[in-house]
Amino acid sequence: MTATIRRYRDGDRAAVYDVCVETAGAGRGVRGRYSTDDLVPDIVAGPYLFLEPGHAYVLDNGERAVGYIIGTASTPDFVAAYQERWMPRLRARYQPLPGPPVTEEEHRLDVMFHPERWLLPELAPHPAHLHVNLLAGYRGSGHGRELISTFLASVAAAGAASCYLAVRQANVNARHFYARLGWRPVEVPGTVPGTYLVHPTA
């Protein structure tokens, strides 16, 4: 399907959230799975749109965003901004857990309220990170590759020499896709091998 890449605009937020919901859960979608469909995008999309719009791009089919790439050139700076500026917005809708997470939704909330866990020493040499998602009808046509190239150029211009991303082991198609693009795994103790992949920005 025909679509073009452009910079994110404020009016794209609802469409980006929709794409996030439809593609989360290793590509299977999570609509209706939690108490609100905003839960996952409030963790993995909203903070980037709010804090890092300069590195956000969408795939536009002429009517709406049908894919996106978001991220940051500096994970430490992003985590600090998340805690200072995004967390207060979250607290208006969600409450931190009183104890260890038990349910799947509680595990999501645990991630939401502990962004400092993204600061892994093994990933320090790769300061940028990204999230990319496309609706099913727009995969396999080179759009993902183009979005990633656009993002890597964006964070390279901001001074990031290398980028990382996380991929679920269950998402076999994604792992094969990134391998073809030259992303290589980095071993991080305590995680499943191949969970984190890295790539130079230039």
N, C-alpha and C. Protein backbone atom coordinates (compact mmCIF):
# COMPACT_ATOMS: atom_id res chain seq x y z
N MET A 1 0.84 -1.19 0.00
CA MET A 1 0.00 0.00 0.00
C MET A 1 0.88 1.25 0.00
N THR A 2 0.44 2.28 -0.71
CA THR A 2 1.21 3.51 -0.82
C THR A 2 1.16 4.29 0.47
N ALA A 3 2.31 4.75 0.92
CA ALA A 3 2.39 5.55 2.14
C ALA A 3 3.73 6.28 2.14
N THR A 4 3.78 7.39 2.84
CA THR A 4 5.00 8.19 2.91
C THR A 4 5.37 8.47 4.36
N ILE A 5 6.65 8.68 4.58
CA ILE A 5 7.16 8.99 5.90
C ILE A 5 7.23 10.50 6.09
N ARG A 6 6.79 10.95 7.22
CA ARG A 6 6.89 12.38 7.56
C ARG A 6 7.07 12.51 9.06
N ARG A 7 7.38 13.73 9.48
CA ARG A 7 7.53 13.99 10.91
C ARG A 7 6.18 13.86 11.63
N TYR A 8 6.24 13.44 12.86
CA TYR A 8 5.06 13.35 13.71
C TYR A 8 4.48 14.74 13.96
N ARG A 9 3.14 14.82 13.96
CA ARG A 9 2.44 16.04 14.34
C ARG A 9 1.49 15.72 15.49
N ASP A 10 1.14 16.74 16.28
CA ASP A 10 0.29 16.52 17.45
C ASP A 10 -1.01 15.79 17.09
N GLY A 11 -1.54 16.06 15.91
CA GLY A 11 -2.79 15.44 15.50
C GLY A 11 -2.67 13.95 15.20
N ASP A 12 -1.46 13.43 15.21
CA ASP A 12 -1.24 12.00 14.94
C ASP A 12 -1.34 11.13 16.18
N ARG A 13 -1.47 11.73 17.35
CA ARG A 13 -1.35 10.98 18.59
C ARG A 13 -2.35 9.82 18.67
N ALA A 14 -3.61 10.07 18.35
CA ALA A 14 -4.63 9.01 18.45
C ALA A 14 -4.31 7.85 17.51
N ALA A 15 -3.84 8.16 16.29
CA ALA A 15 -3.51 7.11 15.33
C ALA A 15 -2.30 6.32 15.80
N VAL A 16 -1.30 6.99 16.36
CA VAL A 16 -0.13 6.29 16.89
C VAL A 16 -0.53 5.36 18.03
N TYR A 17 -1.38 5.85 18.93
CA TYR A 17 -1.86 4.99 20.01
C TYR A 17 -2.60 3.77 19.44
N ASP A 18 -3.39 3.99 18.42
CA ASP A 18 -4.14 2.88 17.80
C ASP A 18 -3.18 1.85 17.20
N VAL A 19 -2.16 2.31 16.48
CA VAL A 19 -1.19 1.39 15.90
C VAL A 19 -0.48 0.62 17.01
N CYS A 20 -0.15 1.29 18.10
CA CYS A 20 0.52 0.64 19.22
C CYS A 20 -0.34 -0.49 19.79
N VAL A 21 -1.61 -0.21 20.00
CA VAL A 21 -2.53 -1.23 20.55
C VAL A 21 -2.67 -2.41 19.59
N GLU A 22 -2.76 -2.12 18.30
CA GLU A 22 -2.96 -3.17 17.30
C GLU A 22 -1.73 -4.04 17.08
N THR A 23 -0.54 -3.53 17.44
CA THR A 23 0.69 -4.26 17.13
C THR A 23 1.43 -4.75 18.38
N ALA A 24 0.98 -4.37 19.57
CA ALA A 24 1.64 -4.82 20.80
C ALA A 24 1.42 -6.32 20.99
N GLY A 25 2.06 -6.87 22.01
CA GLY A 25 1.90 -8.30 22.26
C GLY A 25 2.52 -9.14 21.17
N ALA A 26 3.79 -8.81 20.80
CA ALA A 26 4.51 -9.55 19.74
C ALA A 26 3.76 -9.52 18.42
N GLY A 27 3.08 -8.40 18.16
CA GLY A 27 2.39 -8.23 16.89
C GLY A 27 0.97 -8.74 16.85
N ARG A 28 0.50 -9.32 17.96
CA ARG A 28 -0.84 -9.89 17.97
C ARG A 28 -1.92 -8.89 18.39
N GLY A 29 -1.51 -7.77 18.98
CA GLY A 29 -2.47 -6.77 19.43
C GLY A 29 -2.93 -7.03 20.85
N VAL A 30 -3.33 -5.94 21.55
CA VAL A 30 -3.76 -6.08 22.94
C VAL A 30 -5.08 -5.34 23.20
N ARG A 31 -5.84 -5.11 22.15
CA ARG A 31 -7.10 -4.38 22.35
C ARG A 31 -8.03 -5.18 23.27
N GLY A 32 -8.56 -4.50 24.30
CA GLY A 32 -9.46 -5.13 25.24
C GLY A 32 -8.80 -6.01 26.28
N ARG A 33 -7.48 -6.06 26.28
CA ARG A 33 -6.76 -6.98 27.16
C ARG A 33 -6.58 -6.43 28.57
N TYR A 34 -6.53 -5.10 28.69
CA TYR A 34 -6.30 -4.47 29.98
C TYR A 34 -7.48 -3.56 30.34
N SER A 35 -7.41 -2.96 31.51
CA SER A 35 -8.53 -2.13 31.98
C SER A 35 -8.73 -0.90 31.10
N THR A 36 -7.71 -0.48 30.38
CA THR A 36 -7.82 0.58 29.40
C THR A 36 -6.88 0.28 28.24
N ASP A 37 -7.32 0.56 27.03
CA ASP A 37 -6.47 0.33 25.86
C ASP A 37 -5.31 1.33 25.80
N ASP A 38 -5.37 2.37 26.62
CA ASP A 38 -4.27 3.35 26.64
C ASP A 38 -3.07 2.86 27.46
N LEU A 39 -3.23 1.77 28.20
CA LEU A 39 -2.16 1.35 29.10
C LEU A 39 -0.84 1.14 28.38
N VAL A 40 -0.81 0.30 27.37
CA VAL A 40 0.45 0.00 26.69
C VAL A 40 0.99 1.23 25.97
N PRO A 41 0.19 1.95 25.17
CA PRO A 41 0.75 3.14 24.54
C PRO A 41 1.18 4.22 25.52
N ASP A 42 0.56 4.30 26.69
CA ASP A 42 1.01 5.27 27.68
C ASP A 42 2.41 4.94 28.20
N ILE A 43 2.83 3.69 28.04
CA ILE A 43 4.17 3.26 28.45
C ILE A 43 5.16 3.38 27.31
N VAL A 44 4.78 2.89 26.13
CA VAL A 44 5.76 2.72 25.05
C VAL A 44 5.59 3.67 23.88
N ALA A 45 4.63 4.56 23.92
CA ALA A 45 4.46 5.54 22.83
C ALA A 45 4.32 6.96 23.38
N GLY A 46 3.39 7.15 24.30
CA GLY A 46 3.09 8.48 24.80
C GLY A 46 4.29 9.29 25.28
N PRO A 47 5.18 8.69 26.09
CA PRO A 47 6.30 9.50 26.59
C PRO A 47 7.22 10.02 25.50
N TYR A 48 7.37 9.26 24.43
CA TYR A 48 8.23 9.71 23.33
C TYR A 48 7.56 10.83 22.54
N LEU A 49 6.26 10.70 22.32
CA LEU A 49 5.54 11.75 21.60
C LEU A 49 5.57 13.05 22.38
N PHE A 50 5.51 12.95 23.71
CA PHE A 50 5.49 14.12 24.57
C PHE A 50 6.88 14.71 24.80
N LEU A 51 7.85 13.84 25.05
CA LEU A 51 9.19 14.29 25.43
C LEU A 51 10.16 14.41 24.26
N GLU A 52 9.98 13.60 23.22
CA GLU A 52 10.96 13.54 22.12
C GLU A 52 10.28 13.63 20.75
N PRO A 53 9.40 14.60 20.52
CA PRO A 53 8.71 14.66 19.22
C PRO A 53 9.66 14.92 18.04
N GLY A 54 10.83 15.47 18.33
CA GLY A 54 11.78 15.74 17.25
C GLY A 54 12.36 14.49 16.63
N HIS A 55 12.26 13.35 17.31
CA HIS A 55 12.74 12.08 16.76
C HIS A 55 11.58 11.14 16.43
N ALA A 56 10.37 11.67 16.33
CA ALA A 56 9.19 10.85 16.03
C ALA A 56 8.77 11.04 14.58
N TYR A 57 8.55 9.93 13.89
CA TYR A 57 8.13 9.95 12.49
C TYR A 57 6.98 8.96 12.30
N VAL A 58 6.11 9.27 11.35
CA VAL A 58 4.99 8.38 11.08
C VAL A 58 4.98 7.99 9.61
N LEU A 59 4.35 6.87 9.33
CA LEU A 59 4.05 6.43 7.98
C LEU A 59 2.61 6.82 7.71
N ASP A 60 2.40 7.68 6.74
CA ASP A 60 1.09 8.27 6.46
C ASP A 60 0.55 7.71 5.15
N ASN A 61 -0.66 7.13 5.18
CA ASN A 61 -1.25 6.57 3.96
C ASN A 61 -2.12 7.57 3.21
N GLY A 62 -2.05 8.83 3.62
CA GLY A 62 -2.85 9.87 3.00
C GLY A 62 -4.08 10.22 3.80
N GLU A 63 -4.43 9.34 4.75
CA GLU A 63 -5.58 9.58 5.61
C GLU A 63 -5.20 9.65 7.09
N ARG A 64 -4.21 8.85 7.47
CA ARG A 64 -3.81 8.77 8.88
C ARG A 64 -2.46 8.08 9.00
N ALA A 65 -1.90 8.11 10.20
CA ALA A 65 -0.67 7.38 10.46
C ALA A 65 -0.98 5.90 10.58
N VAL A 66 -0.27 5.08 9.83
CA VAL A 66 -0.46 3.63 9.85
C VAL A 66 0.79 2.92 10.36
N GLY A 67 1.75 3.69 10.79
CA GLY A 67 2.97 3.17 11.36
C GLY A 67 3.73 4.32 11.98
N TYR A 68 4.72 3.98 12.79
CA TYR A 68 5.50 5.04 13.43
C TYR A 68 6.85 4.51 13.87
N ILE A 69 7.77 5.43 14.09
CA ILE A 69 9.02 5.14 14.77
C ILE A 69 9.27 6.27 15.75
N ILE A 70 9.59 5.90 16.98
CA ILE A 70 9.80 6.86 18.04
C ILE A 70 11.00 6.42 18.86
N GLY A 71 11.57 7.33 19.63
CA GLY A 71 12.70 6.96 20.45
C GLY A 71 13.42 8.19 20.95
N THR A 72 14.67 7.99 21.31
CA THR A 72 15.47 9.06 21.89
C THR A 72 16.92 8.91 21.47
N ALA A 73 17.65 10.02 21.46
CA ALA A 73 19.09 9.98 21.18
C ALA A 73 19.88 9.69 22.44
N SER A 74 19.26 9.87 23.61
CA SER A 74 19.96 9.66 24.88
C SER A 74 19.02 9.01 25.88
N THR A 75 19.20 7.73 26.12
CA THR A 75 18.34 7.03 27.07
C THR A 75 18.44 7.62 28.48
N PRO A 76 19.62 7.96 29.00
CA PRO A 76 19.67 8.56 30.34
C PRO A 76 18.89 9.87 30.43
N ASP A 77 19.01 10.72 29.42
CA ASP A 77 18.27 11.99 29.43
C ASP A 77 16.77 11.73 29.34
N PHE A 78 16.39 10.74 28.54
CA PHE A 78 14.98 10.41 28.40
C PHE A 78 14.40 9.92 29.72
N VAL A 79 15.12 9.05 30.41
CA VAL A 79 14.65 8.51 31.69
C VAL A 79 14.47 9.66 32.70
N ALA A 80 15.41 10.58 32.73
CA ALA A 80 15.30 11.72 33.65
C ALA A 80 14.08 12.57 33.32
N ALA A 81 13.85 12.83 32.02
CA ALA A 81 12.69 13.62 31.62
C ALA A 81 11.39 12.87 31.89
N TYR A 82 11.39 11.57 31.68
CA TYR A 82 10.22 10.73 31.97
C TYR A 82 9.83 10.87 33.43
N GLN A 83 10.82 10.78 34.31
CA GLN A 83 10.54 10.85 35.74
C GLN A 83 10.05 12.24 36.15
N GLU A 84 10.62 13.26 35.53
CA GLU A 84 10.29 14.63 35.92
C GLU A 84 9.02 15.16 35.27
N ARG A 85 8.79 14.81 34.00
CA ARG A 85 7.71 15.44 33.25
C ARG A 85 6.59 14.50 32.84
N TRP A 86 6.89 13.22 32.59
CA TRP A 86 5.85 12.28 32.15
C TRP A 86 5.18 11.59 33.33
N MET A 87 5.95 11.25 34.35
CA MET A 87 5.40 10.55 35.49
C MET A 87 4.24 11.30 36.15
N PRO A 88 4.33 12.62 36.34
CA PRO A 88 3.18 13.31 36.94
C PRO A 88 1.90 13.17 36.11
N ARG A 89 2.02 13.08 34.79
CA ARG A 89 0.85 12.89 33.95
C ARG A 89 0.27 11.49 34.14
N LEU A 90 1.15 10.50 34.32
CA LEU A 90 0.69 9.13 34.54
C LEU A 90 -0.07 9.00 35.85
N ARG A 91 0.43 9.67 36.88
CA ARG A 91 -0.18 9.55 38.20
C ARG A 91 -1.61 10.08 38.23
N ALA A 92 -1.98 10.87 37.25
CA ALA A 92 -3.37 11.34 37.17
C ALA A 92 -4.31 10.23 36.73
N ARG A 93 -3.76 9.15 36.14
CA ARG A 93 -4.59 8.06 35.62
C ARG A 93 -4.29 6.70 36.25
N TYR A 94 -3.06 6.52 36.71
CA TYR A 94 -2.63 5.22 37.22
C TYR A 94 -2.01 5.39 38.61
N GLN A 95 -2.05 4.32 39.38
CA GLN A 95 -1.47 4.33 40.71
C GLN A 95 -0.32 3.32 40.78
N PRO A 96 0.80 3.71 41.40
CA PRO A 96 1.89 2.74 41.60
C PRO A 96 1.40 1.56 42.42
N LEU A 97 2.02 0.41 42.21
CA LEU A 97 1.61 -0.80 42.92
C LEU A 97 2.06 -0.74 44.38
N PRO A 98 1.22 -1.23 45.30
CA PRO A 98 1.61 -1.26 46.71
C PRO A 98 2.57 -2.39 47.04
N GLY A 99 2.68 -3.35 46.13
CA GLY A 99 3.56 -4.50 46.35
C GLY A 99 4.05 -5.05 45.03
N PRO A 100 4.68 -6.21 45.05
CA PRO A 100 5.18 -6.81 43.80
C PRO A 100 4.04 -7.09 42.81
N PRO A 101 4.31 -6.96 41.52
CA PRO A 101 3.26 -7.23 40.53
C PRO A 101 2.91 -8.70 40.47
N VAL A 102 1.63 -8.98 40.23
CA VAL A 102 1.15 -10.36 40.14
C VAL A 102 0.51 -10.60 38.77
N THR A 103 -0.45 -9.78 38.39
CA THR A 103 -1.14 -9.96 37.13
C THR A 103 -0.34 -9.37 35.98
N GLU A 104 -0.75 -9.70 34.75
CA GLU A 104 -0.09 -9.15 33.58
C GLU A 104 -0.19 -7.62 33.56
N GLU A 105 -1.37 -7.09 33.91
CA GLU A 105 -1.53 -5.64 33.93
C GLU A 105 -0.63 -5.01 34.99
N GLU A 106 -0.50 -5.66 36.13
CA GLU A 106 0.37 -5.12 37.17
C GLU A 106 1.83 -5.11 36.73
N HIS A 107 2.24 -6.10 35.96
CA HIS A 107 3.60 -6.09 35.43
C HIS A 107 3.80 -4.91 34.48
N ARG A 108 2.78 -4.60 33.70
CA ARG A 108 2.85 -3.43 32.82
C ARG A 108 2.99 -2.15 33.65
N LEU A 109 2.20 -2.05 34.71
CA LEU A 109 2.26 -0.88 35.58
C LEU A 109 3.62 -0.77 36.27
N ASP A 110 4.18 -1.91 36.61
CA ASP A 110 5.50 -1.92 37.25
C ASP A 110 6.54 -1.34 36.31
N VAL A 111 6.45 -1.69 35.04
CA VAL A 111 7.35 -1.11 34.04
C VAL A 111 7.11 0.40 33.93
N MET A 112 5.85 0.80 33.91
CA MET A 112 5.48 2.20 33.77
C MET A 112 6.13 3.08 34.83
N PHE A 113 6.13 2.61 36.06
CA PHE A 113 6.60 3.43 37.16
C PHE A 113 8.06 3.22 37.53
N HIS A 114 8.79 2.44 36.72
CA HIS A 114 10.21 2.22 37.00
C HIS A 114 11.05 2.35 35.73
N PRO A 115 11.05 3.53 35.10
CA PRO A 115 11.83 3.70 33.87
C PRO A 115 13.33 3.60 34.10
N GLU A 116 13.79 3.75 35.35
CA GLU A 116 15.22 3.66 35.63
C GLU A 116 15.77 2.28 35.28
N ARG A 117 14.89 1.29 35.16
CA ARG A 117 15.35 -0.05 34.80
C ARG A 117 15.86 -0.13 33.36
N TRP A 118 15.56 0.90 32.57
CA TRP A 118 16.06 0.92 31.19
C TRP A 118 17.54 1.29 31.14
N LEU A 119 18.10 1.74 32.25
CA LEU A 119 19.50 2.17 32.27
C LEU A 119 20.39 0.97 32.57
N LEU A 120 20.64 0.18 31.56
CA LEU A 120 21.44 -1.04 31.69
C LEU A 120 22.88 -0.74 31.29
N PRO A 121 23.86 -1.08 32.13
CA PRO A 121 25.25 -0.74 31.81
C PRO A 121 25.73 -1.34 30.50
N GLU A 122 25.23 -2.51 30.14
CA GLU A 122 25.65 -3.15 28.89
C GLU A 122 25.20 -2.35 27.66
N LEU A 123 24.19 -1.50 27.84
CA LEU A 123 23.68 -0.71 26.72
C LEU A 123 24.19 0.72 26.73
N ALA A 124 25.00 1.07 27.71
CA ALA A 124 25.51 2.45 27.80
C ALA A 124 26.26 2.90 26.54
N PRO A 125 27.01 2.00 25.86
CA PRO A 125 27.68 2.45 24.63
C PRO A 125 26.71 2.70 23.47
N HIS A 126 25.45 2.40 23.67
CA HIS A 126 24.44 2.56 22.62
C HIS A 126 23.33 3.47 23.17
N PRO A 127 23.57 4.78 23.23
CA PRO A 127 22.69 5.68 24.00
C PRO A 127 21.29 5.86 23.41
N ALA A 128 21.15 5.74 22.11
CA ALA A 128 19.83 5.92 21.49
C ALA A 128 19.03 4.62 21.60
N HIS A 129 17.72 4.72 21.61
CA HIS A 129 16.88 3.53 21.46
C HIS A 129 15.60 3.91 20.74
N LEU A 130 14.90 2.90 20.21
CA LEU A 130 13.75 3.16 19.37
C LEU A 130 12.66 2.12 19.57
N HIS A 131 11.46 2.50 19.13
CA HIS A 131 10.31 1.59 18.99
C HIS A 131 9.72 1.85 17.61
N VAL A 132 9.45 0.79 16.86
CA VAL A 132 8.85 0.94 15.54
C VAL A 132 7.72 -0.06 15.38
N ASN A 133 6.61 0.38 14.82
CA ASN A 133 5.46 -0.49 14.60
C ASN A 133 4.72 -0.07 13.34
N LEU A 134 4.22 -1.07 12.62
CA LEU A 134 3.44 -0.84 11.40
C LEU A 134 2.21 -1.72 11.44
N LEU A 135 1.09 -1.20 10.96
CA LEU A 135 -0.08 -2.04 10.80
C LEU A 135 0.23 -3.14 9.79
N ALA A 136 -0.45 -4.27 9.91
CA ALA A 136 -0.12 -5.47 9.13
C ALA A 136 -0.07 -5.22 7.63
N GLY A 137 -0.98 -4.44 7.10
CA GLY A 137 -1.04 -4.22 5.67
C GLY A 137 0.12 -3.44 5.10
N TYR A 138 0.95 -2.87 5.97
CA TYR A 138 2.06 -2.02 5.52
C TYR A 138 3.42 -2.63 5.80
N ARG A 139 3.42 -3.90 6.21
CA ARG A 139 4.69 -4.58 6.45
C ARG A 139 5.15 -5.28 5.19
N GLY A 140 6.45 -5.51 5.12
CA GLY A 140 6.99 -6.25 4.00
C GLY A 140 7.14 -5.47 2.72
N SER A 141 7.01 -4.16 2.79
CA SER A 141 7.12 -3.32 1.59
C SER A 141 8.25 -2.31 1.68
N GLY A 142 9.15 -2.49 2.65
CA GLY A 142 10.28 -1.60 2.80
C GLY A 142 10.03 -0.41 3.70
N HIS A 143 8.80 -0.25 4.18
CA HIS A 143 8.50 0.91 5.02
C HIS A 143 9.24 0.86 6.35
N GLY A 144 9.34 -0.32 6.95
CA GLY A 144 10.04 -0.45 8.22
C GLY A 144 11.50 -0.08 8.08
N ARG A 145 12.12 -0.56 7.02
CA ARG A 145 13.54 -0.24 6.76
C ARG A 145 13.72 1.27 6.60
N GLU A 146 12.81 1.91 5.87
CA GLU A 146 12.91 3.35 5.65
C GLU A 146 12.70 4.14 6.94
N LEU A 147 11.75 3.70 7.76
CA LEU A 147 11.53 4.37 9.03
C LEU A 147 12.77 4.28 9.92
N ILE A 148 13.38 3.11 9.98
CA ILE A 148 14.57 2.93 10.81
C ILE A 148 15.71 3.79 10.30
N SER A 149 15.92 3.84 8.99
CA SER A 149 16.98 4.68 8.43
C SER A 149 16.74 6.14 8.76
N THR A 150 15.48 6.57 8.69
CA THR A 150 15.13 7.96 9.01
C THR A 150 15.44 8.26 10.46
N PHE A 151 15.07 7.35 11.35
CA PHE A 151 15.31 7.57 12.78
C PHE A 151 16.81 7.58 13.09
N LEU A 152 17.55 6.63 12.55
CA LEU A 152 18.98 6.56 12.84
C LEU A 152 19.69 7.84 12.39
N ALA A 153 19.28 8.38 11.25
CA ALA A 153 19.87 9.65 10.79
C ALA A 153 19.51 10.79 11.75
N SER A 154 18.29 10.74 12.29
CA SER A 154 17.83 11.78 13.21
C SER A 154 18.65 11.78 14.49
N VAL A 155 18.86 10.61 15.10
CA VAL A 155 19.61 10.57 16.36
C VAL A 155 21.11 10.73 16.12
N ALA A 156 21.58 10.35 14.95
CA ALA A 156 22.99 10.58 14.62
C ALA A 156 23.27 12.08 14.58
N ALA A 157 22.33 12.84 14.01
CA ALA A 157 22.48 14.29 13.95
C ALA A 157 22.49 14.91 15.35
N ALA A 158 21.88 14.20 16.31
CA ALA A 158 21.86 14.68 17.70
C ALA A 158 23.06 14.19 18.50
N GLY A 159 23.96 13.44 17.85
CA GLY A 159 25.20 13.03 18.50
C GLY A 159 25.27 11.60 18.97
N ALA A 160 24.24 10.79 18.74
CA ALA A 160 24.26 9.40 19.17
C ALA A 160 24.98 8.54 18.13
N ALA A 161 25.98 7.79 18.57
CA ALA A 161 26.76 6.98 17.64
C ALA A 161 26.18 5.59 17.42
N SER A 162 25.33 5.13 18.36
CA SER A 162 24.79 3.79 18.27
C SER A 162 23.42 3.75 18.92
N CYS A 163 22.62 2.78 18.52
CA CYS A 163 21.23 2.68 18.95
C CYS A 163 20.92 1.24 19.35
N TYR A 164 20.01 1.08 20.30
CA TYR A 164 19.55 -0.25 20.64
C TYR A 164 18.04 -0.33 20.56
N LEU A 165 17.54 -1.54 20.52
CA LEU A 165 16.12 -1.80 20.60
C LEU A 165 15.92 -3.13 21.32
N ALA A 166 14.73 -3.30 21.84
CA ALA A 166 14.37 -4.56 22.50
C ALA A 166 13.36 -5.29 21.63
N VAL A 167 13.50 -6.59 21.54
CA VAL A 167 12.58 -7.40 20.75
C VAL A 167 12.22 -8.65 21.55
N ARG A 168 10.95 -8.98 21.56
CA ARG A 168 10.51 -10.18 22.28
C ARG A 168 10.97 -11.45 21.54
N GLN A 169 11.38 -12.43 22.30
CA GLN A 169 11.80 -13.69 21.69
C GLN A 169 10.65 -14.32 20.89
N ALA A 170 9.41 -14.10 21.34
CA ALA A 170 8.26 -14.69 20.65
C ALA A 170 8.01 -14.05 19.29
N ASN A 171 8.56 -12.86 19.08
CA ASN A 171 8.31 -12.16 17.82
C ASN A 171 9.37 -12.57 16.80
N VAL A 172 9.21 -13.77 16.26
CA VAL A 172 10.19 -14.35 15.35
C VAL A 172 10.35 -13.50 14.09
N ASN A 173 9.26 -13.01 13.54
CA ASN A 173 9.34 -12.20 12.32
C ASN A 173 10.18 -10.95 12.54
N ALA A 174 9.98 -10.30 13.69
CA ALA A 174 10.76 -9.09 13.99
C ALA A 174 12.24 -9.42 14.13
N ARG A 175 12.56 -10.52 14.79
CA ARG A 175 13.97 -10.88 14.98
C ARG A 175 14.64 -11.14 13.64
N HIS A 176 13.95 -11.81 12.73
CA HIS A 176 14.51 -12.06 11.40
C HIS A 176 14.67 -10.76 10.62
N PHE A 177 13.69 -9.87 10.76
CA PHE A 177 13.74 -8.58 10.07
C PHE A 177 14.97 -7.79 10.49
N TYR A 178 15.19 -7.67 11.80
CA TYR A 178 16.33 -6.89 12.28
C TYR A 178 17.66 -7.54 11.92
N ALA A 179 17.70 -8.85 11.93
CA ALA A 179 18.93 -9.54 11.55
C ALA A 179 19.30 -9.21 10.11
N ARG A 180 18.31 -9.15 9.24
CA ARG A 180 18.57 -8.81 7.83
C ARG A 180 19.10 -7.39 7.69
N LEU A 181 18.73 -6.51 8.61
CA LEU A 181 19.18 -5.12 8.55
C LEU A 181 20.51 -4.89 9.26
N GLY A 182 21.09 -5.96 9.80
CA GLY A 182 22.41 -5.84 10.40
C GLY A 182 22.44 -5.55 11.89
N TRP A 183 21.28 -5.60 12.54
CA TRP A 183 21.26 -5.43 13.99
C TRP A 183 21.85 -6.68 14.63
N ARG A 184 22.70 -6.49 15.63
CA ARG A 184 23.35 -7.64 16.27
C ARG A 184 22.95 -7.70 17.75
N PRO A 185 22.88 -8.89 18.31
CA PRO A 185 22.48 -9.03 19.72
C PRO A 185 23.59 -8.59 20.68
N VAL A 186 23.18 -8.06 21.81
CA VAL A 186 24.09 -7.74 22.90
C VAL A 186 23.63 -8.51 24.13
N GLU A 187 24.55 -9.20 24.76
CA GLU A 187 24.18 -9.99 25.94
C GLU A 187 24.00 -9.09 27.14
N VAL A 188 22.85 -9.18 27.75
CA VAL A 188 22.53 -8.44 28.97
C VAL A 188 22.15 -9.46 30.04
N PRO A 189 22.94 -9.61 31.09
CA PRO A 189 22.63 -10.60 32.14
C PRO A 189 21.22 -10.40 32.69
N GLY A 190 20.55 -11.52 32.91
CA GLY A 190 19.20 -11.46 33.46
C GLY A 190 18.11 -11.35 32.43
N THR A 191 18.50 -11.26 31.14
CA THR A 191 17.50 -11.20 30.08
C THR A 191 17.71 -12.39 29.14
N VAL A 192 16.70 -12.69 28.36
CA VAL A 192 16.79 -13.77 27.38
C VAL A 192 17.78 -13.38 26.29
N PRO A 193 18.71 -14.26 25.90
CA PRO A 193 19.65 -13.93 24.83
C PRO A 193 18.92 -13.47 23.57
N GLY A 194 19.42 -12.41 22.98
CA GLY A 194 18.81 -11.88 21.78
C GLY A 194 17.71 -10.88 22.03
N THR A 195 17.45 -10.54 23.31
CA THR A 195 16.41 -9.58 23.63
C THR A 195 16.77 -8.19 23.17
N TYR A 196 18.06 -7.83 23.30
CA TYR A 196 18.52 -6.49 22.91
C TYR A 196 19.41 -6.58 21.68
N LEU A 197 19.15 -5.69 20.73
CA LEU A 197 19.90 -5.63 19.49
C LEU A 197 20.46 -4.22 19.33
N VAL A 198 21.63 -4.11 18.71
CA VAL A 198 22.26 -2.80 18.55
C VAL A 198 22.69 -2.59 17.11
N HIS A 199 22.85 -1.30 16.74
CA HIS A 199 23.22 -0.93 15.38
C HIS A 199 23.85 0.47 15.42
N PRO A 200 24.93 0.69 14.67
CA PRO A 200 25.47 2.06 14.60
C PRO A 200 24.48 2.98 13.88
N THR A 201 24.54 4.25 14.18
CA THR A 201 23.58 5.19 13.57
C THR A 201 24.03 5.63 12.18
N ALA A 202 25.28 5.40 11.85
CA ALA A 202 25.79 5.78 10.53
C ALA A 202 26.68 4.68 9.97
